[in-house]
Amino acid sequence: MAEALGVACHAVRADYTRHREPGDLALRAFGVDNHPDYPFRVELRGLPLEFRHEAGELWTRIRTGAGELVTHLRQTPEMTRAGISLPFVEE
């Protein structure tokens, strides 16, 4: 994909120490990560997604025809100081 777009691609992993908008983590609990180092973004279309964040807590709710998917991530200041760059999946 990077070659077709004519952009560079990170060879191993993104730099998770870079600041990101909280919304970039809306799909993180599903294993999908949006990061400014990536030459692409993953977005849901056709499914209502609600995302909210406050004080290191991130909640995502996706409504599907079969029911709701709800996730809860947590990133405390202590975790960040200890070098943990990705939030833990609580739910």
PDB file of N, CA and C in Angstrom:
ATOM      1  N   MET A   1       0.832  -1.179   0.000  1.00  0.00           N
ATOM      2  CA  MET A   1       0.000   0.000   0.000  1.00  0.00           C
ATOM      3  C   MET A   1       0.878   1.245   0.000  1.00  0.00           C
ATOM      4  N   ALA A   2       1.928   1.244   0.825  1.00  0.00           N
ATOM      5  CA  ALA A   2       2.808   2.401   0.893  1.00  0.00           C
ATOM      6  C   ALA A   2       3.464   2.666  -0.457  1.00  0.00           C
ATOM      7  N   GLU A   3       3.877   1.614  -1.136  1.00  0.00           N
ATOM      8  CA  GLU A   3       4.501   1.770  -2.452  1.00  0.00           C
ATOM      9  C   GLU A   3       3.518   2.380  -3.453  1.00  0.00           C
ATOM     10  N   ALA A   4       2.281   1.910  -3.450  1.00  0.00           N
ATOM     11  CA  ALA A   4       1.271   2.426  -4.382  1.00  0.00           C
ATOM     12  C   ALA A   4       0.974   3.901  -4.106  1.00  0.00           C
ATOM     13  N   LEU A   5       1.045   4.306  -2.844  1.00  0.00           N
ATOM     14  CA  LEU A   5       0.788   5.698  -2.477  1.00  0.00           C
ATOM     15  C   LEU A   5       2.022   6.584  -2.596  1.00  0.00           C
ATOM     16  N   GLY A   6       3.205   5.957  -2.755  1.00  0.00           N
ATOM     17  CA  GLY A   6       4.436   6.720  -2.859  1.00  0.00           C
ATOM     18  C   GLY A   6       4.876   7.345  -1.541  1.00  0.00           C
ATOM     19  N   VAL A   7       4.609   6.639  -0.433  1.00  0.00           N
ATOM     20  CA  VAL A   7       4.987   7.146   0.878  1.00  0.00           C
ATOM     21  C   VAL A   7       5.851   6.114   1.596  1.00  0.00           C
ATOM     22  N   ALA A   8       6.526   6.571   2.639  1.00  0.00           N
ATOM     23  CA  ALA A   8       7.343   5.655   3.433  1.00  0.00           C
ATOM     24  C   ALA A   8       6.454   4.844   4.354  1.00  0.00           C
ATOM     25  N   CYS A   9       6.956   3.701   4.772  1.00  0.00           N
ATOM     26  CA  CYS A   9       6.220   2.852   5.692  1.00  0.00           C
ATOM     27  C   CYS A   9       7.156   2.478   6.837  1.00  0.00           C
ATOM     28  N   HIS A  10       6.666   2.560   8.057  1.00  0.00           N
ATOM     29  CA  HIS A  10       7.475   2.192   9.218  1.00  0.00           C
ATOM     30  C   HIS A  10       7.806   0.712   9.126  1.00  0.00           C
ATOM     31  N   ALA A  11       9.058   0.357   9.350  1.00  0.00           N
ATOM     32  CA  ALA A  11       9.507  -1.002   9.112  1.00  0.00           C
ATOM     33  C   ALA A  11       9.046  -2.006  10.162  1.00  0.00           C
ATOM     34  N   VAL A  12       8.943  -1.601  11.425  1.00  0.00           N
ATOM     35  CA  VAL A  12       8.621  -2.564  12.463  1.00  0.00           C
ATOM     36  C   VAL A  12       7.346  -2.173  13.191  1.00  0.00           C
ATOM     37  N   ARG A  13       7.388  -1.072  13.887  1.00  0.00           N
ATOM     38  CA  ARG A  13       6.233  -0.593  14.661  1.00  0.00           C
ATOM     39  C   ARG A  13       6.226   0.921  14.618  1.00  0.00           C
ATOM     40  N   ALA A  14       5.094   1.456  14.939  1.00  0.00           N
ATOM     41  CA  ALA A  14       4.985   2.911  15.020  1.00  0.00           C
ATOM     42  C   ALA A  14       5.681   3.413  16.286  1.00  0.00           C
ATOM     43  N   ASP A  15       5.978   4.695  16.321  1.00  0.00           N
ATOM     44  CA  ASP A  15       6.573   5.318  17.499  1.00  0.00           C
ATOM     45  C   ASP A  15       5.448   5.675  18.465  1.00  0.00           C
ATOM     46  N   TYR A  16       5.207   4.815  19.433  1.00  0.00           N
ATOM     47  CA  TYR A  16       4.089   5.000  20.352  1.00  0.00           C
ATOM     48  C   TYR A  16       4.352   6.064  21.415  1.00  0.00           C
ATOM     49  N   THR A  17       5.548   6.667  21.398  1.00  0.00           N
ATOM     50  CA  THR A  17       5.796   7.764  22.321  1.00  0.00           C
ATOM     51  C   THR A  17       5.289   9.089  21.747  1.00  0.00           C
ATOM     52  N   ARG A  18       4.936   9.120  20.466  1.00  0.00           N
ATOM     53  CA  ARG A  18       4.396  10.335  19.848  1.00  0.00           C
ATOM     54  C   ARG A  18       2.986  10.596  20.360  1.00  0.00           C
ATOM     55  N   HIS A  19       2.658  11.877  20.490  1.00  0.00           N
ATOM     56  CA  HIS A  19       1.301  12.244  20.898  1.00  0.00           C
ATOM     57  C   HIS A  19       0.314  11.837  19.811  1.00  0.00           C
ATOM     58  N   ARG A  20      -0.829  11.319  20.254  1.00  0.00           N
ATOM     59  CA  ARG A  20      -1.914  10.981  19.329  1.00  0.00           C
ATOM     60  C   ARG A  20      -3.206  11.520  19.876  1.00  0.00           C
ATOM     61  N   GLU A  21      -4.122  11.772  18.977  1.00  0.00           N
ATOM     62  CA  GLU A  21      -5.462  12.155  19.393  1.00  0.00           C
ATOM     63  C   GLU A  21      -6.131  10.937  20.019  1.00  0.00           C
ATOM     64  N   PRO A  22      -6.898  11.111  21.097  1.00  0.00           N
ATOM     65  CA  PRO A  22      -7.554   9.965  21.737  1.00  0.00           C
ATOM     66  C   PRO A  22      -8.414   9.149  20.765  1.00  0.00           C
ATOM     67  N   GLY A  23      -9.052   9.793  19.811  1.00  0.00           N
ATOM     68  CA  GLY A  23      -9.892   9.071  18.853  1.00  0.00           C
ATOM     69  C   GLY A  23      -9.140   8.054  18.018  1.00  0.00           C
ATOM     70  N   ASP A  24      -7.809   8.211  17.906  1.00  0.00           N
ATOM     71  CA  ASP A  24      -7.019   7.224  17.171  1.00  0.00           C
ATOM     72  C   ASP A  24      -7.036   5.861  17.858  1.00  0.00           C
ATOM     73  N   LEU A  25      -7.446   5.834  19.128  1.00  0.00           N
ATOM     74  CA  LEU A  25      -7.490   4.587  19.890  1.00  0.00           C
ATOM     75  C   LEU A  25      -8.894   3.989  19.976  1.00  0.00           C
ATOM     76  N   ALA A  26      -9.845   4.543  19.241  1.00  0.00           N
ATOM     77  CA  ALA A  26     -11.233   4.084  19.337  1.00  0.00           C
ATOM     78  C   ALA A  26     -11.384   2.604  18.998  1.00  0.00           C
ATOM     79  N   LEU A  27     -10.560   2.081  18.102  1.00  0.00           N
ATOM     80  CA  LEU A  27     -10.674   0.668  17.695  1.00  0.00           C
ATOM     81  C   LEU A  27      -9.543  -0.193  18.256  1.00  0.00           C
ATOM     82  N   ARG A  28      -8.738   0.365  19.155  1.00  0.00           N
ATOM     83  CA  ARG A  28      -7.565  -0.339  19.689  1.00  0.00           C
ATOM     84  C   ARG A  28      -7.925  -1.665  20.363  1.00  0.00           C
ATOM     85  N   ALA A  29      -9.007  -1.723  21.112  1.00  0.00           N
ATOM     86  CA  ALA A  29      -9.377  -2.962  21.812  1.00  0.00           C
ATOM     87  C   ALA A  29      -9.726  -4.084  20.841  1.00  0.00           C
ATOM     88  N   PHE A  30      -9.982  -3.738  19.588  1.00  0.00           N
ATOM     89  CA  PHE A  30     -10.268  -4.739  18.553  1.00  0.00           C
ATOM     90  C   PHE A  30      -9.011  -5.113  17.775  1.00  0.00           C
ATOM     91  N   GLY A  31      -7.869  -4.570  18.187  1.00  0.00           N
ATOM     92  CA  GLY A  31      -6.615  -4.870  17.513  1.00  0.00           C
ATOM     93  C   GLY A  31      -6.335  -3.969  16.328  1.00  0.00           C
ATOM     94  N   VAL A  32      -7.112  -2.909  16.169  1.00  0.00           N
ATOM     95  CA  VAL A  32      -6.934  -1.977  15.060  1.00  0.00           C
ATOM     96  C   VAL A  32      -6.390  -0.676  15.627  1.00  0.00           C
ATOM     97  N   ASP A  33      -5.284  -0.219  15.080  1.00  0.00           N
ATOM     98  CA  ASP A  33      -4.619   0.964  15.610  1.00  0.00           C
ATOM     99  C   ASP A  33      -4.433   1.986  14.503  1.00  0.00           C
ATOM    100  N   ASN A  34      -4.863   3.206  14.732  1.00  0.00           N
ATOM    101  CA  ASN A  34      -4.569   4.309  13.823  1.00  0.00           C
ATOM    102  C   ASN A  34      -3.446   5.123  14.442  1.00  0.00           C
ATOM    103  N   HIS A  35      -2.426   5.393  13.663  1.00  0.00           N
ATOM    104  CA  HIS A  35      -1.257   6.097  14.162  1.00  0.00           C
ATOM    105  C   HIS A  35      -0.735   7.012  13.064  1.00  0.00           C
ATOM    106  N   PRO A  36      -0.244   8.200  13.438  1.00  0.00           N
ATOM    107  CA  PRO A  36       0.256   9.120  12.411  1.00  0.00           C
ATOM    108  C   PRO A  36       1.445   8.578  11.623  1.00  0.00           C
ATOM    109  N   ASP A  37       2.163   7.582  12.137  1.00  0.00           N
ATOM    110  CA  ASP A  37       3.271   6.978  11.392  1.00  0.00           C
ATOM    111  C   ASP A  37       2.791   6.087  10.252  1.00  0.00           C
ATOM    112  N   TYR A  38       1.554   5.636  10.305  1.00  0.00           N
ATOM    113  CA  TYR A  38       1.043   4.725   9.275  1.00  0.00           C
ATOM    114  C   TYR A  38       0.596   5.516   8.050  1.00  0.00           C
ATOM    115  N   PRO A  39       0.789   4.968   6.861  1.00  0.00           N
ATOM    116  CA  PRO A  39       0.358   5.672   5.647  1.00  0.00           C
ATOM    117  C   PRO A  39      -1.124   5.443   5.332  1.00  0.00           C
ATOM    118  N   PHE A  40      -1.902   4.990   6.301  1.00  0.00           N
ATOM    119  CA  PHE A  40      -3.329   4.709   6.113  1.00  0.00           C
ATOM    120  C   PHE A  40      -4.064   4.920   7.418  1.00  0.00           C
ATOM    121  N   ARG A  41      -5.377   4.964   7.347  1.00  0.00           N
ATOM    122  CA  ARG A  41      -6.255   5.003   8.532  1.00  0.00           C
ATOM    123  C   ARG A  41      -7.341   3.960   8.343  1.00  0.00           C
ATOM    124  N   VAL A  42      -7.759   3.342   9.430  1.00  0.00           N
ATOM    125  CA  VAL A  42      -8.857   2.384   9.410  1.00  0.00           C
ATOM    126  C   VAL A  42     -10.071   3.071  10.008  1.00  0.00           C
ATOM    127  N   GLU A  43     -11.181   3.066   9.287  1.00  0.00           N
ATOM    128  CA  GLU A  43     -12.419   3.678   9.768  1.00  0.00           C
ATOM    129  C   GLU A  43     -13.571   2.720   9.535  1.00  0.00           C
ATOM    130  N   LEU A  44     -14.569   2.783  10.413  1.00  0.00           N
ATOM    131  CA  LEU A  44     -15.786   2.005  10.228  1.00  0.00           C
ATOM    132  C   LEU A  44     -16.764   2.821   9.399  1.00  0.00           C
ATOM    133  N   ARG A  45     -17.440   2.159   8.503  1.00  0.00           N
ATOM    134  CA  ARG A  45     -18.492   2.816   7.731  1.00  0.00           C
ATOM    135  C   ARG A  45     -19.728   1.933   7.788  1.00  0.00           C
ATOM    136  N   GLY A  46     -20.856   2.562   8.018  1.00  0.00           N
ATOM    137  CA  GLY A  46     -22.099   1.813   8.047  1.00  0.00           C
ATOM    138  C   GLY A  46     -22.469   1.271   9.420  1.00  0.00           C
ATOM    139  N   LEU A  47     -21.605   1.455  10.400  1.00  0.00           N
ATOM    140  CA  LEU A  47     -21.913   1.044  11.767  1.00  0.00           C
ATOM    141  C   LEU A  47     -21.752   2.258  12.678  1.00  0.00           C
ATOM    142  N   PRO A  48     -22.776   2.594  13.457  1.00  0.00           N
ATOM    143  CA  PRO A  48     -22.656   3.732  14.367  1.00  0.00           C
ATOM    144  C   PRO A  48     -21.599   3.464  15.443  1.00  0.00           C
ATOM    145  N   LEU A  49     -20.660   4.393  15.587  1.00  0.00           N
ATOM    146  CA  LEU A  49     -19.602   4.283  16.573  1.00  0.00           C
ATOM    147  C   LEU A  49     -19.666   5.501  17.485  1.00  0.00           C
ATOM    148  N   GLU A  50     -19.679   5.250  18.783  1.00  0.00           N
ATOM    149  CA  GLU A  50     -19.607   6.314  19.780  1.00  0.00           C
ATOM    150  C   GLU A  50     -18.291   6.146  20.519  1.00  0.00           C
ATOM    151  N   PHE A  51     -17.575   7.243  20.688  1.00  0.00           N
ATOM    152  CA  PHE A  51     -16.297   7.198  21.396  1.00  0.00           C
ATOM    153  C   PHE A  51     -16.251   8.356  22.382  1.00  0.00           C
ATOM    154  N   ARG A  52     -15.795   8.061  23.600  1.00  0.00           N
ATOM    155  CA  ARG A  52     -15.597   9.133  24.569  1.00  0.00           C
ATOM    156  C   ARG A  52     -14.356   8.828  25.393  1.00  0.00           C
ATOM    157  N   HIS A  53     -13.747   9.891  25.875  1.00  0.00           N
ATOM    158  CA  HIS A  53     -12.550   9.735  26.698  1.00  0.00           C
ATOM    159  C   HIS A  53     -12.535  10.815  27.764  1.00  0.00           C
ATOM    160  N   GLU A  54     -12.003  10.441  28.911  1.00  0.00           N
ATOM    161  CA  GLU A  54     -11.807  11.403  29.994  1.00  0.00           C
ATOM    162  C   GLU A  54     -10.788  10.832  30.970  1.00  0.00           C
ATOM    163  N   ALA A  55      -9.815  11.632  31.290  1.00  0.00           N
ATOM    164  CA  ALA A  55      -8.798  11.290  32.300  1.00  0.00           C
ATOM    165  C   ALA A  55      -8.208   9.890  32.116  1.00  0.00           C
ATOM    166  N   GLY A  56      -7.781   9.558  30.904  1.00  0.00           N
ATOM    167  CA  GLY A  56      -7.133   8.274  30.673  1.00  0.00           C
ATOM    168  C   GLY A  56      -8.070   7.094  30.506  1.00  0.00           C
ATOM    169  N   GLU A  57      -9.361   7.325  30.523  1.00  0.00           N
ATOM    170  CA  GLU A  57     -10.353   6.265  30.302  1.00  0.00           C
ATOM    171  C   GLU A  57     -10.944   6.475  28.910  1.00  0.00           C
ATOM    172  N   LEU A  58     -10.997   5.411  28.117  1.00  0.00           N
ATOM    173  CA  LEU A  58     -11.515   5.499  26.754  1.00  0.00           C
ATOM    174  C   LEU A  58     -12.585   4.434  26.550  1.00  0.00           C
ATOM    175  N   TRP A  59     -13.762   4.844  26.100  1.00  0.00           N
ATOM    176  CA  TRP A  59     -14.862   3.922  25.860  1.00  0.00           C
ATOM    177  C   TRP A  59     -15.283   4.005  24.398  1.00  0.00           C
ATOM    178  N   THR A  60     -15.530   2.837  23.807  1.00  0.00           N
ATOM    179  CA  THR A  60     -16.032   2.751  22.444  1.00  0.00           C
ATOM    180  C   THR A  60     -17.283   1.881  22.456  1.00  0.00           C
ATOM    181  N   ARG A  61     -18.312   2.336  21.746  1.00  0.00           N
ATOM    182  CA  ARG A  61     -19.539   1.556  21.591  1.00  0.00           C
ATOM    183  C   ARG A  61     -19.855   1.514  20.091  1.00  0.00           C
ATOM    184  N   ILE A  62     -20.002   0.299  19.576  1.00  0.00           N
ATOM    185  CA  ILE A  62     -20.355   0.102  18.173  1.00  0.00           C
ATOM    186  C   ILE A  62     -21.666  -0.674  18.145  1.00  0.00           C
ATOM    187  N   ARG A  63     -22.637  -0.133  17.430  1.00  0.00           N
ATOM    188  CA  ARG A  63     -23.939  -0.801  17.311  1.00  0.00           C
ATOM    189  C   ARG A  63     -23.956  -1.608  16.014  1.00  0.00           C
ATOM    190  N   THR A  64     -24.263  -2.900  16.150  1.00  0.00           N
ATOM    191  CA  THR A  64     -24.358  -3.785  14.989  1.00  0.00           C
ATOM    192  C   THR A  64     -25.760  -4.374  14.943  1.00  0.00           C
ATOM    193  N   GLY A  65     -26.082  -5.034  13.862  1.00  0.00           N
ATOM    194  CA  GLY A  65     -27.376  -5.698  13.747  1.00  0.00           C
ATOM    195  C   GLY A  65     -27.545  -6.824  14.754  1.00  0.00           C
ATOM    196  N   ALA A  66     -26.440  -7.355  15.268  1.00  0.00           N
ATOM    197  CA  ALA A  66     -26.489  -8.458  16.229  1.00  0.00           C
ATOM    198  C   ALA A  66     -26.356  -7.986  17.672  1.00  0.00           C
ATOM    199  N   GLY A  67     -26.206  -6.679  17.881  1.00  0.00           N
ATOM    200  CA  GLY A  67     -26.070  -6.157  19.236  1.00  0.00           C
ATOM    201  C   GLY A  67     -24.958  -5.130  19.325  1.00  0.00           C
ATOM    202  N   GLU A  68     -24.622  -4.737  20.551  1.00  0.00           N
ATOM    203  CA  GLU A  68     -23.609  -3.714  20.784  1.00  0.00           C
ATOM    204  C   GLU A  68     -22.272  -4.332  21.178  1.00  0.00           C
ATOM    205  N   LEU A  69     -21.211  -3.711  20.725  1.00  0.00           N
ATOM    206  CA  LEU A  69     -19.859  -4.033  21.157  1.00  0.00           C
ATOM    207  C   LEU A  69     -19.377  -2.852  21.975  1.00  0.00           C
ATOM    208  N   VAL A  70     -18.924  -3.117  23.192  1.00  0.00           N
ATOM    209  CA  VAL A  70     -18.461  -2.047  24.072  1.00  0.00           C
ATOM    210  C   VAL A  70     -17.059  -2.388  24.554  1.00  0.00           C
ATOM    211  N   THR A  71     -16.153  -1.404  24.475  1.00  0.00           N
ATOM    212  CA  THR A  71     -14.802  -1.598  24.998  1.00  0.00           C
ATOM    213  C   THR A  71     -14.468  -0.473  25.965  1.00  0.00           C
ATOM    214  N   HIS A  72     -13.535  -0.768  26.866  1.00  0.00           N
ATOM    215  CA  HIS A  72     -13.059   0.213  27.844  1.00  0.00           C
ATOM    216  C   HIS A  72     -11.554   0.042  27.950  1.00  0.00           C
ATOM    217  N   LEU A  73     -10.809   1.106  27.650  1.00  0.00           N
ATOM    218  CA  LEU A  73      -9.358   1.110  27.768  1.00  0.00           C
ATOM    219  C   LEU A  73      -8.958   2.048  28.895  1.00  0.00           C
ATOM    220  N   ARG A  74      -7.791   1.788  29.497  1.00  0.00           N
ATOM    221  CA  ARG A  74      -7.308   2.638  30.594  1.00  0.00           C
ATOM    222  C   ARG A  74      -5.819   2.921  30.395  1.00  0.00           C
ATOM    223  N   GLN A  75      -5.454   4.202  30.531  1.00  0.00           N
ATOM    224  CA  GLN A  75      -4.053   4.635  30.495  1.00  0.00           C
ATOM    225  C   GLN A  75      -3.863   5.651  31.610  1.00  0.00           C
ATOM    226  N   THR A  76      -3.270   5.234  32.711  1.00  0.00           N
ATOM    227  CA  THR A  76      -3.086   6.127  33.853  1.00  0.00           C
ATOM    228  C   THR A  76      -1.776   6.906  33.699  1.00  0.00           C
ATOM    229  N   PRO A  77      -1.653   8.034  34.391  1.00  0.00           N
ATOM    230  CA  PRO A  77      -0.382   8.773  34.364  1.00  0.00           C
ATOM    231  C   PRO A  77       0.794   7.914  34.859  1.00  0.00           C
ATOM    232  N   GLU A  78       0.542   7.042  35.835  1.00  0.00           N
ATOM    233  CA  GLU A  78       1.596   6.157  36.332  1.00  0.00           C
ATOM    234  C   GLU A  78       2.080   5.206  35.240  1.00  0.00           C
ATOM    235  N   MET A  79       1.149   4.708  34.442  1.00  0.00           N
ATOM    236  CA  MET A  79       1.524   3.825  33.336  1.00  0.00           C
ATOM    237  C   MET A  79       2.409   4.566  32.344  1.00  0.00           C
ATOM    238  N   THR A  80       2.021   5.782  32.013  1.00  0.00           N
ATOM    239  CA  THR A  80       2.799   6.579  31.067  1.00  0.00           C
ATOM    240  C   THR A  80       4.196   6.859  31.619  1.00  0.00           C
ATOM    241  N   ARG A  81       4.290   7.237  32.897  1.00  0.00           N
ATOM    242  CA  ARG A  81       5.601   7.494  33.512  1.00  0.00           C
ATOM    243  C   ARG A  81       6.472   6.237  33.511  1.00  0.00           C
ATOM    244  N   ALA A  82       5.854   5.069  33.620  1.00  0.00           N
ATOM    245  CA  ALA A  82       6.600   3.808  33.635  1.00  0.00           C
ATOM    246  C   ALA A  82       6.986   3.349  32.227  1.00  0.00           C
ATOM    247  N   GLY A  83       6.583   4.106  31.197  1.00  0.00           N
ATOM    248  CA  GLY A  83       6.964   3.767  29.828  1.00  0.00           C
ATOM    249  C   GLY A  83       5.936   2.944  29.075  1.00  0.00           C
ATOM    250  N   ILE A  84       4.776   2.720  29.664  1.00  0.00           N
ATOM    251  CA  ILE A  84       3.720   1.976  28.970  1.00  0.00           C
ATOM    252  C   ILE A  84       3.040   2.943  28.009  1.00  0.00           C
ATOM    253  N   SER A  85       3.128   2.646  26.712  1.00  0.00           N
ATOM    254  CA  SER A  85       2.657   3.604  25.715  1.00  0.00           C
ATOM    255  C   SER A  85       1.305   3.250  25.113  1.00  0.00           C
ATOM    256  N   LEU A  86       0.788   2.083  25.408  1.00  0.00           N
ATOM    257  CA  LEU A  86      -0.535   1.690  24.917  1.00  0.00           C
ATOM    258  C   LEU A  86      -1.438   1.374  26.101  1.00  0.00           C
ATOM    259  N   PRO A  87      -2.691   1.787  26.043  1.00  0.00           N
ATOM    260  CA  PRO A  87      -3.600   1.548  27.171  1.00  0.00           C
ATOM    261  C   PRO A  87      -3.934   0.071  27.329  1.00  0.00           C
ATOM    262  N   PHE A  88      -4.261  -0.293  28.558  1.00  0.00           N
ATOM    263  CA  PHE A  88      -4.711  -1.651  28.865  1.00  0.00           C
ATOM    264  C   PHE A  88      -6.177  -1.793  28.479  1.00  0.00           C
ATOM    265  N   VAL A  89      -6.543  -2.963  28.032  1.00  0.00           N
ATOM    266  CA  VAL A  89      -7.935  -3.257  27.734  1.00  0.00           C
ATOM    267  C   VAL A  89      -8.597  -3.717  29.039  1.00  0.00           C
ATOM    268  N   GLU A  90      -9.541  -2.931  29.516  1.00  0.00           N
ATOM    269  CA  GLU A  90     -10.282  -3.286  30.723  1.00  0.00           C
ATOM    270  C   GLU A  90     -11.498  -4.134  30.385  1.00  0.00           C
ATOM    271  N   GLU A  91     -12.149  -3.811  29.271  1.00  0.00           N
ATOM    272  CA  GLU A  91     -13.373  -4.536  28.868  1.00  0.00           C
ATOM    273  C   GLU A  91     -13.386  -4.668  27.361  1.00  0.00           C
TER     274      GLU A  91
END
